């Protein structure tokens, strides 16, 4: 019985001895690991090193939060301070890849925004060979393109036919005319057929002046005066010169110009007929 007791004591001492050795090795490894972790700086780590450091810190944080395998004796305040420190280091480790990505993107954008500028070589002058006894000069290289001259601008309605219809001196009327510019003025002449208290056919001539230049966008207005002479009248009686005053406006429409005129007119055929003039027409 005493021998069995002795054997048990020896076995217990043997296992205790080895447990102490293992614990000592673990403590030595822990002490060596602390300086190694202290030397780890998030800024100096490679991507693989950052991942390993994140694993170590997350494990340490989990143990502190759940009081697992923590040999140190911490007060509540110290434990909270240690947890905050580990969280701050984790935030730095997580933020470093984003900062590096933004820095690379900024450098790339700057490189794209400032491309290398290469000066273009000047275009050489064309070389022309000329033989006094031969034909016209020939361009050997770099042919010169000669632009065709623009066609002369056509006057808006100069020398064109126009017609109008409406009222002249309070008589229903139609009118045909041909107009030409003369210096700053415009002259037109034609025939007028009016109806009311008889039918009248008269010749007329007007002179008018544009109030705005030809390049005006939109409507151009003008003022003028004219005379007329009845040739035929169903009303009978004597015929003499009549006249009128006008104000008009015109605007571009298709290939011609649409115009209107208002004013006062007089037609003397047998009796004097005076009144309002209101005409609308088109210059081709």
C-alpha atoms as a PDB file:
ATOM      1  CA  UNK A   1       0.000   0.000   0.000  1.00  0.00           C
ATOM      2  CA  UNK A   2       2.832   2.373   0.820  1.00  0.00           C
ATOM      3  CA  UNK A   3       4.502   1.509  -2.448  1.00  0.00           C
ATOM      4  CA  UNK A   4       1.386   2.427  -4.461  1.00  0.00           C
ATOM      5  CA  UNK A   5       1.164   5.753  -2.644  1.00  0.00           C
ATOM      6  CA  UNK A   6       4.810   6.477  -3.456  1.00  0.00           C
ATOM      7  CA  UNK A   7       4.289   5.688  -7.148  1.00  0.00           C
ATOM      8  CA  UNK A   8       1.277   8.064  -7.310  1.00  0.00           C
ATOM      9  CA  UNK A   9       3.323  10.862  -5.706  1.00  0.00           C
ATOM     10  CA  UNK A  10       6.149  10.335  -8.199  1.00  0.00           C
ATOM     11  CA  UNK A  11       3.700  10.427 -11.127  1.00  0.00           C
ATOM     12  CA  UNK A  12       2.109  13.623  -9.876  1.00  0.00           C
ATOM     13  CA  UNK A  13       5.488  15.305  -9.443  1.00  0.00           C
ATOM     14  CA  UNK A  14       6.532  14.172 -12.926  1.00  0.00           C
ATOM     15  CA  UNK A  15       3.436  15.679 -14.610  1.00  0.00           C
ATOM     16  CA  UNK A  16       3.685  18.865 -12.539  1.00  0.00           C
ATOM     17  CA  UNK A  17       7.299  19.274 -13.601  1.00  0.00           C
ATOM     18  CA  UNK A  18       6.399  19.109 -17.296  1.00  0.00           C
ATOM     19  CA  UNK A  19       3.382  21.404 -16.891  1.00  0.00           C
ATOM     20  CA  UNK A  20       5.687  24.023 -15.327  1.00  0.00           C
ATOM     21  CA  UNK A  21       8.113  23.687 -18.255  1.00  0.00           C
ATOM     22  CA  UNK A  22       5.328  24.139 -20.801  1.00  0.00           C
ATOM     23  CA  UNK A  23       3.976  27.174 -18.927  1.00  0.00           C
ATOM     24  CA  UNK A  24       7.497  28.672 -18.805  1.00  0.00           C
ATOM     25  CA  UNK A  25       7.911  28.218 -22.575  1.00  0.00           C
ATOM     26  CA  UNK A  26       4.538  29.855 -23.226  1.00  0.00           C
ATOM     27  CA  UNK A  27       5.507  32.838 -21.045  1.00  0.00           C
ATOM     28  CA  UNK A  28       8.871  33.188 -22.848  1.00  0.00           C
ATOM     29  CA  UNK A  29       7.117  33.074 -26.240  1.00  0.00           C
ATOM     30  CA  UNK A  30       4.656  35.693 -25.045  1.00  0.00           C
ATOM     31  CA  UNK A  31       7.431  37.980 -23.863  1.00  0.00           C
ATOM     32  CA  UNK A  32       9.189  37.626 -27.218  1.00  0.00           C
ATOM     33  CA  UNK A  33       5.966  38.292 -29.098  1.00  0.00           C
ATOM     34  CA  UNK A  34       5.289  41.581 -27.286  1.00  0.00           C
ATOM     35  CA  UNK A  35       8.374  43.414 -28.713  1.00  0.00           C
ATOM     36  CA  UNK A  36       7.671  41.914 -32.111  1.00  0.00           C
ATOM     37  CA  UNK A  37       4.119  43.304 -32.061  1.00  0.00           C
ATOM     38  CA  UNK A  38       5.406  46.650 -30.787  1.00  0.00           C
ATOM     39  CA  UNK A  39       7.688  46.918 -33.809  1.00  0.00           C
ATOM     40  CA  UNK A  40       4.756  46.387 -36.177  1.00  0.00           C
ATOM     41  CA  UNK A  41       3.725  49.766 -37.567  1.00  0.00           C
ATOM     42  CA  UNK A  42       0.608  49.875 -39.814  1.00  0.00           C
ATOM     43  CA  UNK A  43       2.380  52.288 -42.145  1.00  0.00           C
ATOM     44  CA  UNK A  44       5.388  49.954 -42.633  1.00  0.00           C
ATOM     45  CA  UNK A  45       3.437  46.716 -43.114  1.00  0.00           C
ATOM     46  CA  UNK A  46       2.943  44.924 -46.393  1.00  0.00           C
ATOM     47  CA  UNK A  47      -0.630  43.885 -47.294  1.00  0.00           C
ATOM     48  CA  UNK A  48       0.087  40.371 -45.958  1.00  0.00           C
ATOM     49  CA  UNK A  49       1.544  41.843 -42.749  1.00  0.00           C
ATOM     50  CA  UNK A  50      -1.540  44.028 -42.264  1.00  0.00           C
ATOM     51  CA  UNK A  51      -3.811  41.010 -42.580  1.00  0.00           C
ATOM     52  CA  UNK A  52      -1.796  39.069 -39.975  1.00  0.00           C
ATOM     53  CA  UNK A  53      -1.789  42.034 -37.607  1.00  0.00           C
ATOM     54  CA  UNK A  54      -5.572  42.422 -38.005  1.00  0.00           C
ATOM     55  CA  UNK A  55      -6.040  38.762 -37.060  1.00  0.00           C
ATOM     56  CA  UNK A  56      -3.877  39.138 -33.916  1.00  0.00           C
ATOM     57  CA  UNK A  57      -5.602  42.350 -32.820  1.00  0.00           C
ATOM     58  CA  UNK A  58      -9.108  40.954 -33.430  1.00  0.00           C
ATOM     59  CA  UNK A  59      -8.266  37.858 -31.405  1.00  0.00           C
ATOM     60  CA  UNK A  60      -6.885  40.025 -28.600  1.00  0.00           C
ATOM     61  CA  UNK A  61     -10.003  42.229 -28.744  1.00  0.00           C
ATOM     62  CA  UNK A  62     -12.333  39.231 -28.600  1.00  0.00           C
ATOM     63  CA  UNK A  63     -10.510  37.822 -25.549  1.00  0.00           C
ATOM     64  CA  UNK A  64     -10.644  41.178 -23.760  1.00  0.00           C
ATOM     65  CA  UNK A  65     -14.344  41.662 -24.481  1.00  0.00           C
ATOM     66  CA  UNK A  66     -15.231  38.123 -23.314  1.00  0.00           C
ATOM     67  CA  UNK A  67     -12.519  37.681 -20.605  1.00  0.00           C
ATOM     68  CA  UNK A  68     -11.096  34.614 -22.346  1.00  0.00           C
ATOM     69  CA  UNK A  69      -7.468  33.552 -21.753  1.00  0.00           C
ATOM     70  CA  UNK A  70      -6.518  36.942 -20.281  1.00  0.00           C
ATOM     71  CA  UNK A  71      -3.854  36.425 -17.641  1.00  0.00           C
ATOM     72  CA  UNK A  72      -3.369  40.084 -16.825  1.00  0.00           C
ATOM     73  CA  UNK A  73      -5.411  41.663 -14.091  1.00  0.00           C
ATOM     74  CA  UNK A  74      -7.263  44.662 -15.516  1.00  0.00           C
ATOM     75  CA  UNK A  75      -9.565  47.082 -13.848  1.00  0.00           C
ATOM     76  CA  UNK A  76     -12.715  48.002 -15.769  1.00  0.00           C
ATOM     77  CA  UNK A  77     -11.195  51.329 -16.848  1.00  0.00           C
ATOM     78  CA  UNK A  78      -7.956  49.681 -18.021  1.00  0.00           C
ATOM     79  CA  UNK A  79      -9.867  47.027 -19.948  1.00  0.00           C
ATOM     80  CA  UNK A  80     -11.945  49.737 -21.660  1.00  0.00           C
ATOM     81  CA  UNK A  81      -8.800  51.755 -22.509  1.00  0.00           C
ATOM     82  CA  UNK A  82      -7.097  48.672 -23.983  1.00  0.00           C
ATOM     83  CA  UNK A  83     -10.180  47.866 -26.104  1.00  0.00           C
ATOM     84  CA  UNK A  84     -10.283  51.459 -27.429  1.00  0.00           C
ATOM     85  CA  UNK A  85      -6.570  51.307 -28.318  1.00  0.00           C
ATOM     86  CA  UNK A  86      -7.036  48.043 -30.268  1.00  0.00           C
ATOM     87  CA  UNK A  87     -10.083  49.448 -32.093  1.00  0.00           C
ATOM     88  CA  UNK A  88      -8.086  52.558 -33.072  1.00  0.00           C
ATOM     89  CA  UNK A  89      -5.286  50.403 -34.495  1.00  0.00           C
ATOM     90  CA  UNK A  90      -7.827  48.303 -36.417  1.00  0.00           C
ATOM     91  CA  UNK A  91      -9.355  51.438 -37.910  1.00  0.00           C
ATOM     92  CA  UNK A  92      -5.907  52.538 -39.133  1.00  0.00           C
ATOM     93  CA  UNK A  93      -5.239  49.100 -40.632  1.00  0.00           C
ATOM     94  CA  UNK A  94      -8.607  49.084 -42.409  1.00  0.00           C
ATOM     95  CA  UNK A  95      -8.173  52.661 -43.702  1.00  0.00           C
ATOM     96  CA  UNK A  96      -4.672  52.231 -45.170  1.00  0.00           C
ATOM     97  CA  UNK A  97      -5.755  50.354 -48.352  1.00  0.00           C
ATOM     98  CA  UNK A  98      -8.395  53.033 -49.102  1.00  0.00           C
ATOM     99  CA  UNK A  99      -5.840  55.841 -48.635  1.00  0.00           C
ATOM    100  CA  UNK A 100      -3.368  54.078 -50.917  1.00  0.00           C
ATOM    101  CA  UNK A 101      -6.080  53.571 -53.551  1.00  0.00           C
ATOM    102  CA  UNK A 102      -7.064  57.275 -53.443  1.00  0.00           C
ATOM    103  CA  UNK A 103      -3.417  58.327 -53.739  1.00  0.00           C
ATOM    104  CA  UNK A 104      -2.910  56.114 -56.795  1.00  0.00           C
ATOM    105  CA  UNK A 105      -6.140  57.455 -58.363  1.00  0.00           C
ATOM    106  CA  UNK A 106      -5.038  61.068 -57.759  1.00  0.00           C
ATOM    107  CA  UNK A 107      -1.652  60.438 -59.360  1.00  0.00           C
ATOM    108  CA  UNK A 108      -3.306  58.699 -62.311  1.00  0.00           C
ATOM    109  CA  UNK A 109      -5.790  61.576 -62.792  1.00  0.00           C
ATOM    110  CA  UNK A 110      -2.958  64.116 -62.715  1.00  0.00           C
ATOM    111  CA  UNK A 111      -1.037  62.131 -65.308  1.00  0.00           C
ATOM    112  CA  UNK A 112      -4.087  61.968 -67.577  1.00  0.00           C
ATOM    113  CA  UNK A 113      -4.875  65.685 -67.115  1.00  0.00           C
ATOM    114  CA  UNK A 114      -1.365  66.726 -68.168  1.00  0.00           C
ATOM    115  CA  UNK A 115      -0.573  64.725 -71.297  1.00  0.00           C
ATOM    116  CA  UNK A 116       2.735  65.130 -72.959  1.00  0.00           C
ATOM    117  CA  UNK A 117       2.614  67.838 -75.608  1.00  0.00           C
ATOM    118  CA  UNK A 118       4.499  67.159 -78.795  1.00  0.00           C
ATOM    119  CA  UNK A 119       5.217  70.109 -81.033  1.00  0.00           C
ATOM    120  CA  UNK A 120       3.932  69.561 -84.549  1.00  0.00           C
ATOM    121  CA  UNK A 121       6.382  69.968 -87.353  1.00  0.00           C
ATOM    122  CA  UNK A 122       5.666  73.004 -89.562  1.00  0.00           C
ATOM    123  CA  UNK A 123       4.015  72.267 -92.884  1.00  0.00           C
ATOM    124  CA  UNK A 124       6.575  72.780 -95.633  1.00  0.00           C
ATOM    125  CA  UNK A 125       5.833  75.174 -98.442  1.00  0.00           C
ATOM    126  CA  UNK A 126       4.824  73.552-101.757  1.00  0.00           C
ATOM    127  CA  UNK A 127       7.672  73.018-104.196  1.00  0.00           C
ATOM    128  CA  UNK A 128       6.799  74.287-107.653  1.00  0.00           C
ATOM    129  CA  UNK A 129       8.818  73.501-110.789  1.00  0.00           C
ATOM    130  CA  UNK A 130       8.550  75.971-113.618  1.00  0.00           C
ATOM    131  CA  UNK A 131       9.869  75.463-117.131  1.00  0.00           C
ATOM    132  CA  UNK A 132       9.941  78.736-119.131  1.00  0.00           C
ATOM    133  CA  UNK A 133       9.668  76.800-122.385  1.00  0.00           C
ATOM    134  CA  UNK A 134       7.052  74.365-121.136  1.00  0.00           C
ATOM    135  CA  UNK A 135       3.472  74.634-120.025  1.00  0.00           C
ATOM    136  CA  UNK A 136       2.003  75.863-116.798  1.00  0.00           C
ATOM    137  CA  UNK A 137       3.835  75.251-113.498  1.00  0.00           C
ATOM    138  CA  UNK A 138       3.184  71.887-111.867  1.00  0.00           C
ATOM    139  CA  UNK A 139       3.035  71.215-108.154  1.00  0.00           C
ATOM    140  CA  UNK A 140       5.371  68.365-107.332  1.00  0.00           C
ATOM    141  CA  UNK A 141       4.204  67.771-103.767  1.00  0.00           C
ATOM    142  CA  UNK A 142       1.952  69.252-101.120  1.00  0.00           C
ATOM    143  CA  UNK A 143      -0.741  70.390-103.548  1.00  0.00           C
ATOM    144  CA  UNK A 144      -2.386  73.688-102.705  1.00  0.00           C
ATOM    145  CA  UNK A 145      -6.182  73.672-102.535  1.00  0.00           C
ATOM    146  CA  UNK A 146      -7.725  76.760-104.086  1.00  0.00           C
ATOM    147  CA  UNK A 147     -11.111  77.601-102.597  1.00  0.00           C
ATOM    148  CA  UNK A 148     -13.773  78.590-105.082  1.00  0.00           C
ATOM    149  CA  UNK A 149     -14.972  82.159-104.845  1.00  0.00           C
ATOM    150  CA  UNK A 150     -18.406  82.550-103.266  1.00  0.00           C
ATOM    151  CA  UNK A 151     -21.246  83.425-105.590  1.00  0.00           C
ATOM    152  CA  UNK A 152     -22.244  87.077-105.452  1.00  0.00           C
ATOM    153  CA  UNK A 153     -25.082  87.693-103.045  1.00  0.00           C
ATOM    154  CA  UNK A 154     -28.421  88.211-104.720  1.00  0.00           C
ATOM    155  CA  UNK A 155     -30.414  91.261-103.741  1.00  0.00           C
ATOM    156  CA  UNK A 156     -33.424  90.508-101.586  1.00  0.00           C
ATOM    157  CA  UNK A 157     -36.014  91.500-104.217  1.00  0.00           C
ATOM    158  CA  UNK A 158     -34.262  93.905-106.607  1.00  0.00           C
ATOM    159  CA  UNK A 159     -35.673  93.729-110.117  1.00  0.00           C
ATOM    160  CA  UNK A 160     -38.377  91.301-109.115  1.00  0.00           C
ATOM    161  CA  UNK A 161     -42.070  91.115-109.731  1.00  0.00           C
ATOM    162  CA  UNK A 162     -44.561  91.525-106.911  1.00  0.00           C
ATOM    163  CA  UNK A 163     -48.296  91.446-106.515  1.00  0.00           C
ATOM    164  CA  UNK A 164     -50.658  92.668-103.787  1.00  0.00           C
ATOM    165  CA  UNK A 165     -54.361  92.696-102.976  1.00  0.00           C
ATOM    166  CA  UNK A 166     -56.566  94.586-100.535  1.00  0.00           C
ATOM    167  CA  UNK A 167     -57.899  98.128-100.546  1.00  0.00           C
ATOM    168  CA  UNK A 168     -56.666 101.333-102.156  1.00  0.00           C
ATOM    169  CA  UNK A 169     -58.506 104.588-101.318  1.00  0.00           C
ATOM    170  CA  UNK A 170     -61.348 102.493 -99.859  1.00  0.00           C
ATOM    171  CA  UNK A 171     -61.693 100.595-103.180  1.00  0.00           C
ATOM    172  CA  UNK A 172     -61.122  96.851-103.465  1.00  0.00           C
ATOM    173  CA  UNK A 173     -57.938  96.533-105.484  1.00  0.00           C
ATOM    174  CA  UNK A 174     -55.300  94.226-106.919  1.00  0.00           C
ATOM    175  CA  UNK A 175     -51.895  95.456-107.997  1.00  0.00           C
ATOM    176  CA  UNK A 176     -48.926  94.189-109.989  1.00  0.00           C
ATOM    177  CA  UNK A 177     -45.541  95.881-109.832  1.00  0.00           C
ATOM    178  CA  UNK A 178     -41.868  95.767-110.768  1.00  0.00           C
ATOM    179  CA  UNK A 179     -39.306  97.332-108.432  1.00  0.00           C
ATOM    180  CA  UNK A 180     -35.660  98.371-108.583  1.00  0.00           C
ATOM    181  CA  UNK A 181     -33.311  99.955-106.013  1.00  0.00           C
ATOM    182  CA  UNK A 182     -31.937 103.339-106.946  1.00  0.00           C
ATOM    183  CA  UNK A 183     -29.196 104.340-104.535  1.00  0.00           C
ATOM    184  CA  UNK A 184     -30.650 104.566-101.032  1.00  0.00           C
ATOM    185  CA  UNK A 185     -34.195 104.626-102.387  1.00  0.00           C
ATOM    186  CA  UNK A 186     -36.396 102.029-104.053  1.00  0.00           C
ATOM    187  CA  UNK A 187     -38.617 102.735-107.046  1.00  0.00           C
ATOM    188  CA  UNK A 188     -41.498 100.617-108.269  1.00  0.00           C
ATOM    189  CA  UNK A 189     -44.143 100.947-110.926  1.00  0.00           C
ATOM    190  CA  UNK A 190     -47.054  98.917-112.257  1.00  0.00           C
ATOM    191  CA  UNK A 191     -50.776  98.689-112.746  1.00  0.00           C
ATOM    192  CA  UNK A 192     -53.670  98.999-110.324  1.00  0.00           C
ATOM    193  CA  UNK A 193     -57.153  97.576-110.837  1.00  0.00           C
ATOM    194  CA  UNK A 194     -59.725  98.998-108.391  1.00  0.00           C
ATOM    195  CA  UNK A 195     -63.445  98.367-108.082  1.00  0.00           C
ATOM    196  CA  UNK A 196     -66.169 100.301-106.246  1.00  0.00           C
ATOM    197  CA  UNK A 197     -68.516 102.878-107.725  1.00  0.00           C
ATOM    198  CA  UNK A 198     -67.148 101.672-111.047  1.00  0.00           C
ATOM    199  CA  UNK A 199     -64.050  99.854-112.224  1.00  0.00           C
ATOM    200  CA  UNK A 200     -60.789 101.710-112.658  1.00  0.00           C
ATOM    201  CA  UNK A 201     -57.466 100.789-114.230  1.00  0.00           C
ATOM    202  CA  UNK A 202     -54.528 103.045-113.367  1.00  0.00           C
ATOM    203  CA  UNK A 203     -50.780 103.226-113.665  1.00  0.00           C
ATOM    204  CA  UNK A 204     -48.763 104.095-110.534  1.00  0.00           C
ATOM    205  CA  UNK A 205     -45.209 104.871-109.433  1.00  0.00           C
ATOM    206  CA  UNK A 206     -43.967 104.826-105.839  1.00  0.00           C
ATOM    207  CA  UNK A 207     -40.712 105.774-104.151  1.00  0.00           C
ATOM    208  CA  UNK A 208     -39.971 104.382-100.686  1.00  0.00           C
ATOM    209  CA  UNK A 209     -37.114 104.150 -98.183  1.00  0.00           C
ATOM    210  CA  UNK A 210     -36.188 101.336 -95.784  1.00  0.00           C
ATOM    211  CA  UNK A 211     -35.885 102.387 -92.151  1.00  0.00           C
ATOM    212  CA  UNK A 212     -33.451  99.569 -91.214  1.00  0.00           C
ATOM    213  CA  UNK A 213     -30.496  97.945 -93.005  1.00  0.00           C
ATOM    214  CA  UNK A 214     -30.662  94.817 -95.211  1.00  0.00           C
ATOM    215  CA  UNK A 215     -28.998  92.587 -92.586  1.00  0.00           C
ATOM    216  CA  UNK A 216     -31.839  93.205 -90.138  1.00  0.00           C
ATOM    217  CA  UNK A 217     -33.224  89.955 -88.731  1.00  0.00           C
ATOM    218  CA  UNK A 218     -37.004  89.830 -88.872  1.00  0.00           C
ATOM    219  CA  UNK A 219     -39.174  92.558 -90.349  1.00  0.00           C
ATOM    220  CA  UNK A 220     -37.823  95.510 -92.351  1.00  0.00           C
ATOM    221  CA  UNK A 221     -40.071  98.552 -92.393  1.00  0.00           C
ATOM    222  CA  UNK A 222     -40.268 101.364 -94.937  1.00  0.00           C
ATOM    223  CA  UNK A 223     -42.104 104.583 -95.715  1.00  0.00           C
ATOM    224  CA  UNK A 224     -42.933 106.054 -99.114  1.00  0.00           C
ATOM    225  CA  UNK A 225     -45.117 108.150-101.377  1.00  0.00           C
ATOM    226  CA  UNK A 226     -46.394 107.805-104.913  1.00  0.00           C
ATOM    227  CA  UNK A 227     -48.619 109.032-107.731  1.00  0.00           C
ATOM    228  CA  UNK A 228     -51.151 107.311-109.972  1.00  0.00           C
ATOM    229  CA  UNK A 229     -52.928 108.103-113.237  1.00  0.00           C
ATOM    230  CA  UNK A 230     -56.220 106.418-114.213  1.00  0.00           C
ATOM    231  CA  UNK A 231     -56.254 105.080-117.794  1.00  0.00           C
ATOM    232  CA  UNK A 232     -59.710 103.539-117.943  1.00  0.00           C
ATOM    233  CA  UNK A 233     -62.717 104.148-115.723  1.00  0.00           C
ATOM    234  CA  UNK A 234     -66.298 102.895-116.064  1.00  0.00           C
ATOM    235  CA  UNK A 235     -67.429 105.898-114.033  1.00  0.00           C
ATOM    236  CA  UNK A 236     -66.568 108.275-116.878  1.00  0.00           C
ATOM    237  CA  UNK A 237     -65.589 111.881-116.311  1.00  0.00           C
ATOM    238  CA  UNK A 238     -62.149 113.425-116.279  1.00  0.00           C
ATOM    239  CA  UNK A 239     -59.039 111.739-115.033  1.00  0.00           C
ATOM    240  CA  UNK A 240     -56.076 113.337-113.250  1.00  0.00           C
ATOM    241  CA  UNK A 241     -53.105 112.460-111.061  1.00  0.00           C
ATOM    242  CA  UNK A 242     -53.793 110.954-107.675  1.00  0.00           C
ATOM    243  CA  UNK A 243     -51.353 109.883-105.004  1.00  0.00           C
ATOM    244  CA  UNK A 244     -50.799 108.274-101.655  1.00  0.00           C
ATOM    245  CA  UNK A 245     -48.631 107.878 -98.551  1.00  0.00           C
ATOM    246  CA  UNK A 246     -47.627 104.443 -97.261  1.00  0.00           C
ATOM    247  CA  UNK A 247     -45.989 102.689 -94.354  1.00  0.00           C
ATOM    248  CA  UNK A 248     -45.003  99.071 -94.950  1.00  0.00           C
ATOM    249  CA  UNK A 249     -43.106  96.115 -93.595  1.00  0.00           C
ATOM    250  CA  UNK A 250     -41.688  92.943 -95.115  1.00  0.00           C
ATOM    251  CA  UNK A 251     -40.184  89.682 -93.906  1.00  0.00           C
ATOM    252  CA  UNK A 252     -38.468  86.772 -95.592  1.00  0.00           C
ATOM    253  CA  UNK A 253     -40.724  83.897 -96.661  1.00  0.00           C
ATOM    254  CA  UNK A 254     -39.391  80.987 -98.756  1.00  0.00           C
ATOM    255  CA  UNK A 255     -37.419  82.487-101.664  1.00  0.00           C
ATOM    256  CA  UNK A 256     -39.183  85.841-101.562  1.00  0.00           C
ATOM    257  CA  UNK A 257     -40.646  88.342 -99.137  1.00  0.00           C
ATOM    258  CA  UNK A 258     -44.111  88.764 -97.688  1.00  0.00           C
ATOM    259  CA  UNK A 259     -45.110  92.410 -97.225  1.00  0.00           C
ATOM    260  CA  UNK A 260     -47.979  94.596 -96.022  1.00  0.00           C
ATOM    261  CA  UNK A 261     -48.760  98.291 -96.465  1.00  0.00           C
ATOM    262  CA  UNK A 262     -51.033 100.811 -94.748  1.00  0.00           C
ATOM    263  CA  UNK A 263     -51.667 104.402 -95.679  1.00  0.00           C
ATOM    264  CA  UNK A 264     -53.903 106.934 -97.383  1.00  0.00           C
ATOM    265  CA  UNK A 265     -54.636 107.069-101.110  1.00  0.00           C
ATOM    266  CA  UNK A 266     -56.482 109.157-103.690  1.00  0.00           C
ATOM    267  CA  UNK A 267     -57.745 108.050-107.102  1.00  0.00           C
ATOM    268  CA  UNK A 268     -59.153 110.773-109.406  1.00  0.00           C
ATOM    269  CA  UNK A 269     -61.314 109.194-112.077  1.00  0.00           C
ATOM    270  CA  UNK A 270     -64.483 111.173-112.724  1.00  0.00           C
ATOM    271  CA  UNK A 271     -64.773 111.954-109.026  1.00  0.00           C
ATOM    272  CA  UNK A 272     -62.138 112.016-106.302  1.00  0.00           C
ATOM    273  CA  UNK A 273     -62.016 108.847-104.292  1.00  0.00           C
ATOM    274  CA  UNK A 274     -59.881 109.071-101.148  1.00  0.00           C
ATOM    275  CA  UNK A 275     -59.532 106.781 -98.194  1.00  0.00           C
ATOM    276  CA  UNK A 276     -57.641 104.026 -96.463  1.00  0.00           C
ATOM    277  CA  UNK A 277     -55.029 101.863 -98.185  1.00  0.00           C
ATOM    278  CA  UNK A 278     -54.385  98.371 -96.804  1.00  0.00           C
ATOM    279  CA  UNK A 279     -52.584  95.837 -98.979  1.00  0.00           C
ATOM    280  CA  UNK A 280     -50.878  92.470 -98.476  1.00  0.00           C
ATOM    281  CA  UNK A 281     -48.556  91.053-101.098  1.00  0.00           C
ATOM    282  CA  UNK A 282     -45.547  88.919-102.022  1.00  0.00           C
ATOM    283  CA  UNK A 283     -42.296  89.839-103.779  1.00  0.00           C
ATOM    284  CA  UNK A 284     -40.851  86.987-105.808  1.00  0.00           C
END
